[in-house]
Protein backbone atom coordinates (compact mmCIF):
# COMPACT_ATOMS: atom_id res chain seq x y z
CA THR A 1 20.36 7.69 -24.90
CA TYR A 2 23.05 5.12 -24.09
CA SER A 3 24.31 6.70 -21.34
CA ALA A 4 20.67 6.83 -19.67
CA PHE A 5 20.40 3.14 -20.19
CA PHE A 6 23.92 2.68 -18.45
CA PHE A 7 22.82 4.64 -15.46
CA VAL A 8 19.40 3.21 -14.96
CA GLY A 9 20.61 -0.04 -15.36
CA CYS A 10 23.74 0.22 -13.01
CA GLY A 11 21.45 1.94 -10.62
CA CYS A 12 19.15 -0.94 -10.20
CA GLY A 13 20.62 -3.26 -7.40
CA TRP A 14 19.22 -6.30 -9.15
CA LEU A 15 22.77 -6.92 -10.75
CA THR A 16 24.22 -7.36 -7.27
CA SER A 17 21.42 -9.34 -6.22
CA ASP A 18 21.75 -11.81 -9.35
CA SER A 19 25.30 -12.20 -8.71
CA ILE A 20 24.70 -13.18 -5.25
CA ASP A 21 22.16 -15.65 -6.51
CA GLN A 22 24.76 -17.01 -9.08
CA LEU A 23 27.40 -17.27 -6.19
CA LEU A 24 24.79 -19.44 -4.36
CA ALA A 25 24.32 -21.57 -7.17
CA ASN A 26 27.95 -22.23 -7.98
CA GLU A 27 29.76 -22.44 -4.55
CA GLN A 28 28.10 -25.15 -2.35
CA ALA A 29 30.08 -23.88 0.56
CA VAL A 30 28.43 -20.70 0.48
CA GLN A 31 24.88 -22.15 0.80
CA ARG A 32 25.83 -23.88 4.31
CA HIS A 33 23.04 -26.57 3.40
CA GLY A 34 20.50 -24.17 2.56
CA LYS A 35 20.97 -21.74 5.84
CA MET A 36 22.00 -18.85 3.52
CA PHE A 37 18.89 -18.68 1.53
CA GLY A 38 17.24 -18.16 4.59
CA THR A 39 19.57 -15.53 5.76
CA LEU A 40 19.52 -13.79 2.51
CA SER A 41 15.78 -13.87 2.33
CA ASP A 42 15.35 -12.52 6.00
CA THR A 43 17.82 -9.68 5.41
CA SER A 44 16.23 -8.80 1.96
CA GLY A 45 12.87 -8.57 3.36
CA ILE A 46 13.81 -6.50 6.55
CA VAL A 47 15.79 -4.16 4.19
CA GLY A 48 12.76 -3.96 1.99
CA LEU A 49 10.40 -2.99 4.93
CA VAL A 50 12.90 -0.27 6.29
CA SER A 51 13.36 1.35 2.87
CA GLY A 52 9.74 1.53 2.23
CA ILE A 53 9.06 2.99 5.67
CA LEU A 54 12.18 5.45 5.05
CA PHE A 55 10.77 6.38 1.70
CA PHE A 56 7.03 7.18 3.38
CA LEU A 57 9.13 9.37 5.80
CA TYR A 58 10.57 11.03 2.86
CA LEU A 59 7.50 11.63 1.19
CA LEU A 60 5.96 13.21 4.58
CA THR A 61 8.81 15.42 4.72
CA PHE A 62 9.47 16.50 1.33
CA ARG A 63 6.18 17.55 -0.21
CA THR A 64 7.36 19.00 -3.48
CA LYS A 65 9.12 17.06 -6.26
CA PRO A 66 12.92 17.32 -6.08
CA MET A 67 14.99 19.35 -8.81
CA LEU A 68 16.43 17.25 -11.77
CA LYS A 69 19.76 17.87 -10.19
CA HIS A 70 18.94 16.08 -6.97
CA ASP A 71 17.62 13.07 -9.10
CA GLN A 72 20.86 12.88 -11.11
CA CYS A 73 22.79 12.94 -8.00
CA THR A 74 20.92 10.28 -6.37
CA CYS A 75 21.26 8.24 -9.71
CA ILE A 76 25.25 8.67 -9.36
CA TRP A 77 25.11 7.62 -5.67
CA LEU A 78 23.13 4.68 -6.32
CA THR A 79 25.31 3.41 -9.18
CA MET A 80 28.29 4.05 -7.00
CA CYS A 81 26.70 1.79 -4.11
CA ASN A 82 25.97 -0.84 -6.75
CA ILE A 83 29.71 -0.73 -8.15
CA THR A 84 31.06 -0.62 -4.56
CA ALA A 85 28.76 -3.62 -3.59
CA LEU A 86 29.85 -5.79 -6.62
CA PHE A 87 33.76 -4.98 -5.96
CA SER A 88 33.34 -5.90 -2.65
CA LEU A 89 31.68 -9.15 -3.42
CA ALA A 90 34.24 -9.87 -6.16
CA VAL A 91 36.94 -9.31 -3.93
CA PHE A 92 35.95 -10.15 -0.17
CA TRP A 93 33.39 -12.79 -0.70
CA GLN A 94 35.45 -15.70 0.97
CA ALA A 95 36.08 -13.34 4.15
CA ASP A 96 35.17 -15.29 7.31
CA ALA A 97 34.35 -18.47 5.48
CA PRO A 98 31.82 -20.13 7.71
CA THR A 99 29.16 -17.13 7.87
CA TYR A 100 30.00 -14.97 4.95
CA PRO A 101 29.36 -11.33 6.18
CA VAL A 102 30.36 -9.78 3.12
CA VAL A 103 27.83 -11.93 0.86
CA VAL A 104 25.18 -10.69 3.36
CA VAL A 105 26.14 -7.11 3.39
CA CYS A 106 26.44 -7.03 -0.46
CA ASN A 107 23.01 -8.60 -0.62
CA MET A 108 21.78 -5.85 1.88
CA LEU A 109 23.19 -3.11 -0.42
CA GLY A 110 21.93 -4.67 -3.42
CA VAL A 111 18.45 -4.69 -2.21
CA LEU A 112 18.71 -1.19 -0.84
CA THR A 113 20.02 -0.20 -4.31
CA ALA A 114 16.90 -1.80 -6.15
CA GLN A 115 14.39 -0.40 -3.74
CA ALA A 116 15.85 3.23 -4.03
CA SER A 117 15.70 3.11 -7.86
CA TYR A 118 12.17 2.12 -7.82
CA TYR A 119 11.51 5.19 -5.62
CA PHE A 120 13.88 7.66 -7.10
CA ILE A 121 15.48 6.69 -10.61
CA PHE A 122 12.46 5.47 -12.33
CA PRO A 123 10.30 8.39 -11.49
CA MET A 124 13.18 10.45 -12.62
CA VAL A 125 13.22 8.86 -15.89
CA ALA A 126 9.66 8.97 -16.42
CA THR A 127 9.41 12.74 -15.58
CA PHE A 128 12.50 14.11 -17.34
CA TYR A 129 13.32 11.68 -19.86
CA ALA A 130 10.20 11.30 -21.82
CA GLY A 131 9.32 7.98 -19.91
CA TRP A 132 9.86 5.60 -22.95
CA LEU A 133 13.01 4.30 -21.35
CA ILE A 134 10.67 2.60 -18.66
CA ALA A 135 8.58 0.97 -21.34
């Protein structure tokens, strides 16, 4: 049970997004007088739209429900993406200080991971693990 909670929680990219929100709140230089909020909002919206379109194409291509093994591999992949984004953010957030491209890329990866968890992880947990974890 604890490992299921761990993987569902780590698979969600909101941990990365929350880390970036905390970085913006605590580091005035990263905010760039409010410009970074707009940049992150724009990239988050674009990533959300593109991931929705890609998931729609995925549903059109694969009509049957994937096997549990496939869903578990997707969960592991999303968890690794989240850990990679958090590590990159922790180590390289100050790189190229005026524009902070690592912060923007990690935000995009975090939003993509969060969207993919809605599409793949939550249905897997509801289908194969009795659904009470979602509630």
